[in-house]
């Protein structure tokens, strides 16, 4: 065989594999989209948001996933209230160990591990025992 023919076969094989990979990603994205819909209908908004985000990682232009994610986030408006409580605690009672512990637990539930770690860091200075309990809850 000559080199040009071999090169054409390789390019064709790569194109076929690429198309198969795109098709697989679309199928997986659709699976996550379906999961998101089920979670949303069941009122499990955090899980719905995660499923929609997974679908968008696989297929960024998937409009139903964008809309579903927006609905899930809209249903989680109470998290903005948690964030507001955090800001108030920082301003009004920065040494309230129980408050920081409670917020840390809420952030863990939200899966916002960065803020949970921040609460743990603050607790280390105020109440190391509660900081350890918060760290244990994150595992």
N, C-alpha and C. Protein backbone atom coordinates (compact mmCIF):
# COMPACT_ATOMS: atom_id res chain seq x y z
N UNK A 1 0.85 -1.19 0.00
CA UNK A 1 0.00 0.00 0.00
C UNK A 1 0.89 1.24 0.00
N UNK A 2 0.40 2.23 -0.64
CA UNK A 2 1.23 3.43 -0.61
C UNK A 2 0.85 4.30 0.59
N UNK A 3 1.70 5.22 0.90
CA UNK A 3 1.52 6.06 2.10
C UNK A 3 0.26 6.90 2.04
N UNK A 4 -0.09 7.41 0.88
CA UNK A 4 -1.28 8.24 0.76
C UNK A 4 -2.54 7.45 1.10
N UNK A 5 -2.61 6.21 0.65
CA UNK A 5 -3.77 5.36 0.94
C UNK A 5 -3.84 5.08 2.45
N UNK A 6 -2.71 4.77 3.07
CA UNK A 6 -2.67 4.51 4.51
C UNK A 6 -3.11 5.76 5.27
N UNK A 7 -2.63 6.92 4.84
CA UNK A 7 -3.00 8.17 5.49
C UNK A 7 -4.50 8.41 5.37
N UNK A 8 -5.09 8.15 4.20
CA UNK A 8 -6.53 8.31 4.01
C UNK A 8 -7.31 7.38 4.93
N UNK A 9 -6.84 6.15 5.08
CA UNK A 9 -7.52 5.19 5.95
C UNK A 9 -7.46 5.65 7.40
N UNK A 10 -6.31 6.16 7.81
CA UNK A 10 -6.15 6.65 9.19
C UNK A 10 -7.07 7.84 9.43
N UNK A 11 -7.09 8.78 8.50
CA UNK A 11 -7.94 9.97 8.65
C UNK A 11 -9.41 9.55 8.70
N UNK A 12 -9.82 8.64 7.83
CA UNK A 12 -11.20 8.16 7.82
C UNK A 12 -11.55 7.47 9.15
N UNK A 13 -10.65 6.65 9.66
CA UNK A 13 -10.87 5.97 10.93
C UNK A 13 -11.01 6.98 12.06
N UNK A 14 -10.17 8.01 12.05
CA UNK A 14 -10.25 9.04 13.10
C UNK A 14 -11.57 9.80 13.01
N UNK A 15 -12.02 10.07 11.80
CA UNK A 15 -13.30 10.76 11.63
C UNK A 15 -14.45 9.90 12.16
N UNK A 16 -14.42 8.62 11.85
CA UNK A 16 -15.47 7.72 12.32
C UNK A 16 -15.47 7.65 13.84
N UNK A 17 -14.28 7.52 14.43
CA UNK A 17 -14.19 7.47 15.89
C UNK A 17 -14.66 8.78 16.51
N UNK A 18 -14.34 9.88 15.87
CA UNK A 18 -14.78 11.19 16.37
C UNK A 18 -16.29 11.31 16.36
N UNK A 19 -16.92 10.88 15.27
CA UNK A 19 -18.37 10.92 15.17
C UNK A 19 -19.00 10.02 16.22
N UNK A 20 -18.40 8.85 16.43
CA UNK A 20 -18.92 7.94 17.46
C UNK A 20 -18.80 8.56 18.84
N UNK A 21 -17.69 9.25 19.11
CA UNK A 21 -17.50 9.89 20.40
C UNK A 21 -18.51 10.99 20.64
N UNK A 22 -18.79 11.78 19.59
CA UNK A 22 -19.79 12.84 19.70
C UNK A 22 -21.17 12.24 19.95
N UNK A 23 -21.49 11.17 19.25
CA UNK A 23 -22.79 10.52 19.44
C UNK A 23 -22.92 9.97 20.86
N UNK A 24 -21.84 9.39 21.37
CA UNK A 24 -21.86 8.85 22.74
C UNK A 24 -22.07 9.98 23.75
N UNK A 25 -21.35 11.10 23.55
CA UNK A 25 -21.49 12.24 24.46
C UNK A 25 -22.92 12.79 24.41
N UNK A 26 -23.51 12.84 23.22
CA UNK A 26 -24.90 13.31 23.11
C UNK A 26 -25.85 12.38 23.84
N UNK A 27 -25.62 11.09 23.72
CA UNK A 27 -26.46 10.13 24.44
C UNK A 27 -26.33 10.27 25.94
N UNK A 28 -25.11 10.45 26.41
CA UNK A 28 -24.89 10.64 27.84
C UNK A 28 -25.51 11.96 28.30
N UNK A 29 -25.37 13.00 27.48
CA UNK A 29 -25.97 14.29 27.83
C UNK A 29 -27.48 14.15 27.95
N UNK A 30 -28.08 13.40 27.04
CA UNK A 30 -29.52 13.18 27.09
C UNK A 30 -29.91 12.42 28.36
N UNK A 31 -29.08 11.45 28.76
CA UNK A 31 -29.35 10.72 29.99
C UNK A 31 -29.34 11.66 31.20
N UNK A 32 -28.33 12.54 31.26
CA UNK A 32 -28.27 13.51 32.36
C UNK A 32 -29.45 14.48 32.30
N UNK A 33 -29.84 14.87 31.10
CA UNK A 33 -31.00 15.75 30.94
C UNK A 33 -32.25 15.08 31.49
N UNK A 34 -32.45 13.81 31.16
CA UNK A 34 -33.60 13.06 31.68
C UNK A 34 -33.56 12.95 33.20
N UNK A 35 -32.36 12.70 33.73
CA UNK A 35 -32.19 12.64 35.19
C UNK A 35 -32.58 13.97 35.82
N UNK A 36 -32.09 15.05 35.22
CA UNK A 36 -32.40 16.38 35.74
C UNK A 36 -33.89 16.64 35.79
N UNK A 37 -34.59 16.26 34.73
CA UNK A 37 -36.05 16.44 34.69
C UNK A 37 -36.73 15.67 35.82
N UNK A 38 -36.29 14.43 36.03
CA UNK A 38 -36.90 13.61 37.09
C UNK A 38 -36.63 14.22 38.47
N UNK A 39 -35.40 14.66 38.69
CA UNK A 39 -35.07 15.29 39.97
C UNK A 39 -35.88 16.57 40.17
N UNK A 40 -36.01 17.35 39.11
CA UNK A 40 -36.75 18.61 39.19
C UNK A 40 -38.20 18.34 39.55
N UNK A 41 -38.80 17.36 38.89
CA UNK A 41 -40.20 17.00 39.17
C UNK A 41 -40.38 16.49 40.59
N UNK A 42 -39.34 15.85 41.13
CA UNK A 42 -39.42 15.31 42.49
C UNK A 42 -39.07 16.35 43.55
N UNK A 43 -38.74 17.56 43.11
CA UNK A 43 -38.38 18.60 44.07
C UNK A 43 -36.98 18.47 44.62
N UNK A 44 -36.15 17.68 43.97
CA UNK A 44 -34.76 17.49 44.41
C UNK A 44 -33.88 18.41 43.56
N UNK A 45 -33.91 19.69 43.92
CA UNK A 45 -33.33 20.74 43.08
C UNK A 45 -31.81 20.71 43.00
N UNK A 46 -31.16 20.37 44.09
CA UNK A 46 -29.69 20.29 44.05
C UNK A 46 -29.24 19.19 43.09
N UNK A 47 -29.88 18.02 43.19
CA UNK A 47 -29.54 16.92 42.30
C UNK A 47 -29.89 17.26 40.86
N UNK A 48 -30.99 17.96 40.66
CA UNK A 48 -31.38 18.37 39.31
C UNK A 48 -30.32 19.30 38.71
N UNK A 49 -29.88 20.26 39.50
CA UNK A 49 -28.87 21.19 39.02
C UNK A 49 -27.59 20.46 38.64
N UNK A 50 -27.19 19.50 39.46
CA UNK A 50 -25.98 18.73 39.16
C UNK A 50 -26.13 17.92 37.87
N UNK A 51 -27.29 17.31 37.68
CA UNK A 51 -27.52 16.53 36.46
C UNK A 51 -27.50 17.43 35.23
N UNK A 52 -28.13 18.59 35.34
CA UNK A 52 -28.13 19.52 34.20
C UNK A 52 -26.72 20.02 33.91
N UNK A 53 -25.94 20.26 34.95
CA UNK A 53 -24.55 20.71 34.72
C UNK A 53 -23.73 19.62 34.04
N UNK A 54 -23.96 18.38 34.39
CA UNK A 54 -23.26 17.27 33.73
C UNK A 54 -23.65 17.22 32.25
N UNK A 55 -24.93 17.39 31.97
CA UNK A 55 -25.38 17.39 30.57
C UNK A 55 -24.69 18.51 29.79
N UNK A 56 -24.56 19.67 30.41
CA UNK A 56 -23.95 20.80 29.73
C UNK A 56 -22.44 20.63 29.56
N UNK A 57 -21.80 19.90 30.46
CA UNK A 57 -20.38 19.61 30.27
C UNK A 57 -20.17 18.75 29.02
N UNK A 58 -21.10 17.85 28.79
CA UNK A 58 -20.99 16.95 27.64
C UNK A 58 -21.47 17.61 26.34
N UNK A 59 -22.47 18.47 26.46
CA UNK A 59 -23.04 19.12 25.29
C UNK A 59 -23.40 20.55 25.67
N UNK A 60 -22.43 21.48 25.59
CA UNK A 60 -22.63 22.85 26.09
C UNK A 60 -23.81 23.61 25.49
N UNK A 61 -24.20 23.31 24.29
CA UNK A 61 -25.30 24.05 23.67
C UNK A 61 -26.66 23.45 23.89
N UNK A 62 -26.80 22.53 24.80
CA UNK A 62 -28.06 21.82 25.02
C UNK A 62 -29.05 22.74 25.74
N UNK A 63 -29.90 23.38 24.97
CA UNK A 63 -30.80 24.39 25.51
C UNK A 63 -31.73 23.89 26.61
N UNK A 64 -32.33 22.69 26.48
CA UNK A 64 -33.19 22.22 27.57
C UNK A 64 -32.44 22.09 28.90
N UNK A 65 -31.15 21.77 28.84
CA UNK A 65 -30.37 21.68 30.07
C UNK A 65 -30.16 23.07 30.68
N UNK A 66 -29.94 24.07 29.83
CA UNK A 66 -29.82 25.44 30.34
C UNK A 66 -31.12 25.87 31.03
N UNK A 67 -32.24 25.58 30.39
CA UNK A 67 -33.53 25.95 30.96
C UNK A 67 -33.80 25.19 32.26
N UNK A 68 -33.48 23.90 32.27
CA UNK A 68 -33.68 23.11 33.49
C UNK A 68 -32.81 23.60 34.63
N UNK A 69 -31.56 23.95 34.30
CA UNK A 69 -30.65 24.46 35.34
C UNK A 69 -31.19 25.77 35.91
N UNK A 70 -31.72 26.61 35.04
CA UNK A 70 -32.30 27.87 35.50
C UNK A 70 -33.48 27.61 36.44
N UNK A 71 -34.33 26.64 36.10
CA UNK A 71 -35.48 26.30 36.96
C UNK A 71 -35.01 25.76 38.30
N UNK A 72 -34.00 24.89 38.26
CA UNK A 72 -33.49 24.31 39.51
C UNK A 72 -32.92 25.41 40.40
N UNK A 73 -32.13 26.31 39.81
CA UNK A 73 -31.57 27.40 40.60
C UNK A 73 -32.65 28.32 41.13
N UNK A 74 -33.67 28.57 40.32
CA UNK A 74 -34.76 29.43 40.77
C UNK A 74 -35.48 28.80 41.96
N UNK A 75 -35.55 27.49 41.98
CA UNK A 75 -36.21 26.79 43.08
C UNK A 75 -35.34 26.76 44.34
N UNK A 76 -34.07 27.07 44.19
CA UNK A 76 -33.16 27.06 45.34
C UNK A 76 -32.92 28.46 45.89
N UNK A 77 -33.91 29.32 45.80
CA UNK A 77 -33.71 30.70 46.23
C UNK A 77 -33.34 30.81 47.71
N UNK A 78 -33.65 29.81 48.50
CA UNK A 78 -33.33 29.89 49.92
C UNK A 78 -31.82 29.92 50.15
N UNK A 79 -31.04 29.48 49.17
CA UNK A 79 -29.59 29.54 49.35
C UNK A 79 -29.10 30.98 49.38
N UNK A 80 -29.80 31.86 48.69
CA UNK A 80 -29.43 33.27 48.76
C UNK A 80 -29.66 33.77 50.18
N UNK A 81 -30.69 33.25 50.83
CA UNK A 81 -30.93 33.62 52.22
C UNK A 81 -29.81 33.09 53.12
N UNK A 82 -29.30 31.91 52.84
CA UNK A 82 -28.16 31.38 53.60
C UNK A 82 -26.95 32.28 53.41
N UNK A 83 -26.71 32.69 52.18
CA UNK A 83 -25.58 33.58 51.91
C UNK A 83 -25.76 34.92 52.63
N UNK A 84 -26.98 35.41 52.69
CA UNK A 84 -27.24 36.66 53.41
C UNK A 84 -27.00 36.47 54.91
N UNK A 85 -27.41 35.32 55.45
CA UNK A 85 -27.16 35.03 56.87
C UNK A 85 -25.65 35.00 57.13
N UNK A 86 -24.91 34.45 56.21
CA UNK A 86 -23.45 34.41 56.34
C UNK A 86 -22.88 35.83 56.43
N UNK A 87 -23.34 36.69 55.54
CA UNK A 87 -22.84 38.07 55.54
C UNK A 87 -23.21 38.78 56.84
N UNK A 88 -24.43 38.56 57.32
CA UNK A 88 -24.86 39.19 58.57
C UNK A 88 -24.04 38.67 59.76
N UNK A 89 -23.82 37.38 59.79
CA UNK A 89 -23.03 36.79 60.87
C UNK A 89 -21.63 37.37 60.89
N UNK A 90 -21.03 37.48 59.72
CA UNK A 90 -19.68 38.05 59.63
C UNK A 90 -19.66 39.47 60.18
N UNK A 91 -20.71 40.21 59.89
CA UNK A 91 -20.75 41.62 60.28
C UNK A 91 -21.18 41.82 61.73
N UNK A 92 -22.20 41.07 62.16
CA UNK A 92 -22.81 41.35 63.46
C UNK A 92 -22.28 40.47 64.60
N UNK A 93 -21.94 39.23 64.31
CA UNK A 93 -21.50 38.31 65.37
C UNK A 93 -20.37 37.41 64.85
N UNK A 94 -19.23 38.00 64.54
CA UNK A 94 -18.15 37.21 63.93
C UNK A 94 -17.61 36.10 64.83
N UNK A 95 -17.84 36.18 66.16
CA UNK A 95 -17.32 35.16 67.08
C UNK A 95 -18.38 34.15 67.51
N UNK A 96 -19.51 34.10 66.83
CA UNK A 96 -20.58 33.18 67.17
C UNK A 96 -20.25 31.80 66.59
N UNK A 97 -19.67 30.94 67.42
CA UNK A 97 -19.22 29.62 66.96
C UNK A 97 -20.39 28.77 66.45
N UNK A 98 -21.50 28.77 67.17
CA UNK A 98 -22.65 27.97 66.76
C UNK A 98 -23.18 28.44 65.40
N UNK A 99 -23.17 29.73 65.19
CA UNK A 99 -23.62 30.28 63.91
C UNK A 99 -22.73 29.83 62.77
N UNK A 100 -21.41 29.91 62.99
CA UNK A 100 -20.47 29.48 61.95
C UNK A 100 -20.57 27.97 61.70
N UNK A 101 -20.79 27.21 62.76
CA UNK A 101 -20.95 25.77 62.60
C UNK A 101 -22.20 25.45 61.78
N UNK A 102 -23.31 26.10 62.12
CA UNK A 102 -24.56 25.89 61.39
C UNK A 102 -24.43 26.27 59.92
N UNK A 103 -23.78 27.40 59.66
CA UNK A 103 -23.57 27.80 58.27
C UNK A 103 -22.67 26.80 57.54
N UNK A 104 -21.67 26.32 58.24
CA UNK A 104 -20.78 25.32 57.63
C UNK A 104 -21.55 24.08 57.21
N UNK A 105 -22.46 23.63 58.09
CA UNK A 105 -23.29 22.47 57.75
C UNK A 105 -24.19 22.75 56.55
N UNK A 106 -24.76 23.95 56.51
CA UNK A 106 -25.60 24.30 55.37
C UNK A 106 -24.80 24.34 54.08
N UNK A 107 -23.59 24.87 54.15
CA UNK A 107 -22.75 24.91 52.95
C UNK A 107 -22.36 23.50 52.51
N UNK A 108 -22.15 22.60 53.47
CA UNK A 108 -21.88 21.21 53.09
C UNK A 108 -23.09 20.61 52.39
N UNK A 109 -24.28 20.88 52.91
CA UNK A 109 -25.49 20.37 52.29
C UNK A 109 -25.62 20.94 50.88
N UNK A 110 -25.23 22.17 50.72
CA UNK A 110 -25.29 22.83 49.42
C UNK A 110 -24.19 22.33 48.49
N UNK A 111 -23.22 21.62 49.06
CA UNK A 111 -22.04 21.15 48.33
C UNK A 111 -21.14 22.31 47.92
N UNK A 112 -21.18 23.36 48.70
CA UNK A 112 -20.32 24.51 48.47
C UNK A 112 -19.15 24.39 49.45
N UNK A 113 -18.22 23.52 49.06
CA UNK A 113 -17.15 23.13 49.97
C UNK A 113 -16.18 24.28 50.27
N UNK A 114 -16.05 25.22 49.37
CA UNK A 114 -15.16 26.35 49.63
C UNK A 114 -15.63 27.16 50.82
N UNK A 115 -16.93 27.49 50.85
CA UNK A 115 -17.47 28.25 51.98
C UNK A 115 -17.49 27.41 53.25
N UNK A 116 -17.73 26.11 53.11
CA UNK A 116 -17.71 25.25 54.29
C UNK A 116 -16.30 25.24 54.91
N UNK A 117 -15.29 25.20 54.06
CA UNK A 117 -13.91 25.25 54.56
C UNK A 117 -13.61 26.59 55.22
N UNK A 118 -14.18 27.65 54.65
CA UNK A 118 -13.98 28.96 55.26
C UNK A 118 -14.58 29.01 56.66
N UNK A 119 -15.77 28.42 56.80
CA UNK A 119 -16.40 28.37 58.13
C UNK A 119 -15.55 27.54 59.09
N UNK A 120 -14.99 26.45 58.60
CA UNK A 120 -14.12 25.62 59.43
C UNK A 120 -12.88 26.39 59.87
N UNK A 121 -12.31 27.16 58.96
CA UNK A 121 -11.13 27.97 59.28
C UNK A 121 -11.46 29.00 60.36
N UNK A 122 -12.61 29.63 60.23
CA UNK A 122 -13.04 30.62 61.24
C UNK A 122 -13.26 29.92 62.58
N UNK A 123 -13.88 28.73 62.54
CA UNK A 123 -14.13 27.97 63.77
C UNK A 123 -12.83 27.54 64.45
N UNK A 124 -11.80 27.28 63.68
CA UNK A 124 -10.50 26.89 64.28
C UNK A 124 -10.05 27.94 65.28
N UNK A 125 -10.31 29.19 64.99
CA UNK A 125 -9.89 30.27 65.88
C UNK A 125 -10.86 30.46 67.04
N UNK A 126 -12.15 30.16 66.82
CA UNK A 126 -13.17 30.41 67.84
C UNK A 126 -13.39 29.19 68.73
N UNK A 127 -13.59 28.04 68.10
CA UNK A 127 -13.93 26.82 68.82
C UNK A 127 -13.38 25.61 68.04
N UNK A 128 -12.15 25.21 68.35
CA UNK A 128 -11.53 24.10 67.59
C UNK A 128 -12.34 22.81 67.63
N UNK A 129 -13.08 22.55 68.70
CA UNK A 129 -13.88 21.33 68.78
C UNK A 129 -14.98 21.35 67.73
N UNK A 130 -15.67 22.48 67.59
CA UNK A 130 -16.70 22.58 66.56
C UNK A 130 -16.08 22.51 65.16
N UNK A 131 -14.89 23.05 65.00
CA UNK A 131 -14.20 22.97 63.70
C UNK A 131 -13.94 21.50 63.34
N UNK A 132 -13.51 20.72 64.32
CA UNK A 132 -13.28 19.28 64.07
C UNK A 132 -14.59 18.58 63.70
N UNK A 133 -15.67 18.92 64.40
CA UNK A 133 -16.96 18.31 64.10
C UNK A 133 -17.43 18.67 62.69
N UNK A 134 -17.18 19.90 62.29
CA UNK A 134 -17.55 20.32 60.94
C UNK A 134 -16.71 19.59 59.90
N UNK A 135 -15.43 19.45 60.19
CA UNK A 135 -14.55 18.72 59.27
C UNK A 135 -14.98 17.26 59.16
N UNK A 136 -15.39 16.66 60.26
CA UNK A 136 -15.86 15.27 60.24
C UNK A 136 -17.15 15.13 59.43
N UNK A 137 -18.00 16.14 59.54
CA UNK A 137 -19.26 16.11 58.79
C UNK A 137 -19.02 16.20 57.29
N UNK A 138 -17.88 16.77 56.91
CA UNK A 138 -17.62 16.94 55.48
C UNK A 138 -17.09 15.65 54.85
N UNK A 139 -16.78 14.65 55.65
CA UNK A 139 -16.23 13.40 55.11
C UNK A 139 -17.28 12.40 54.81
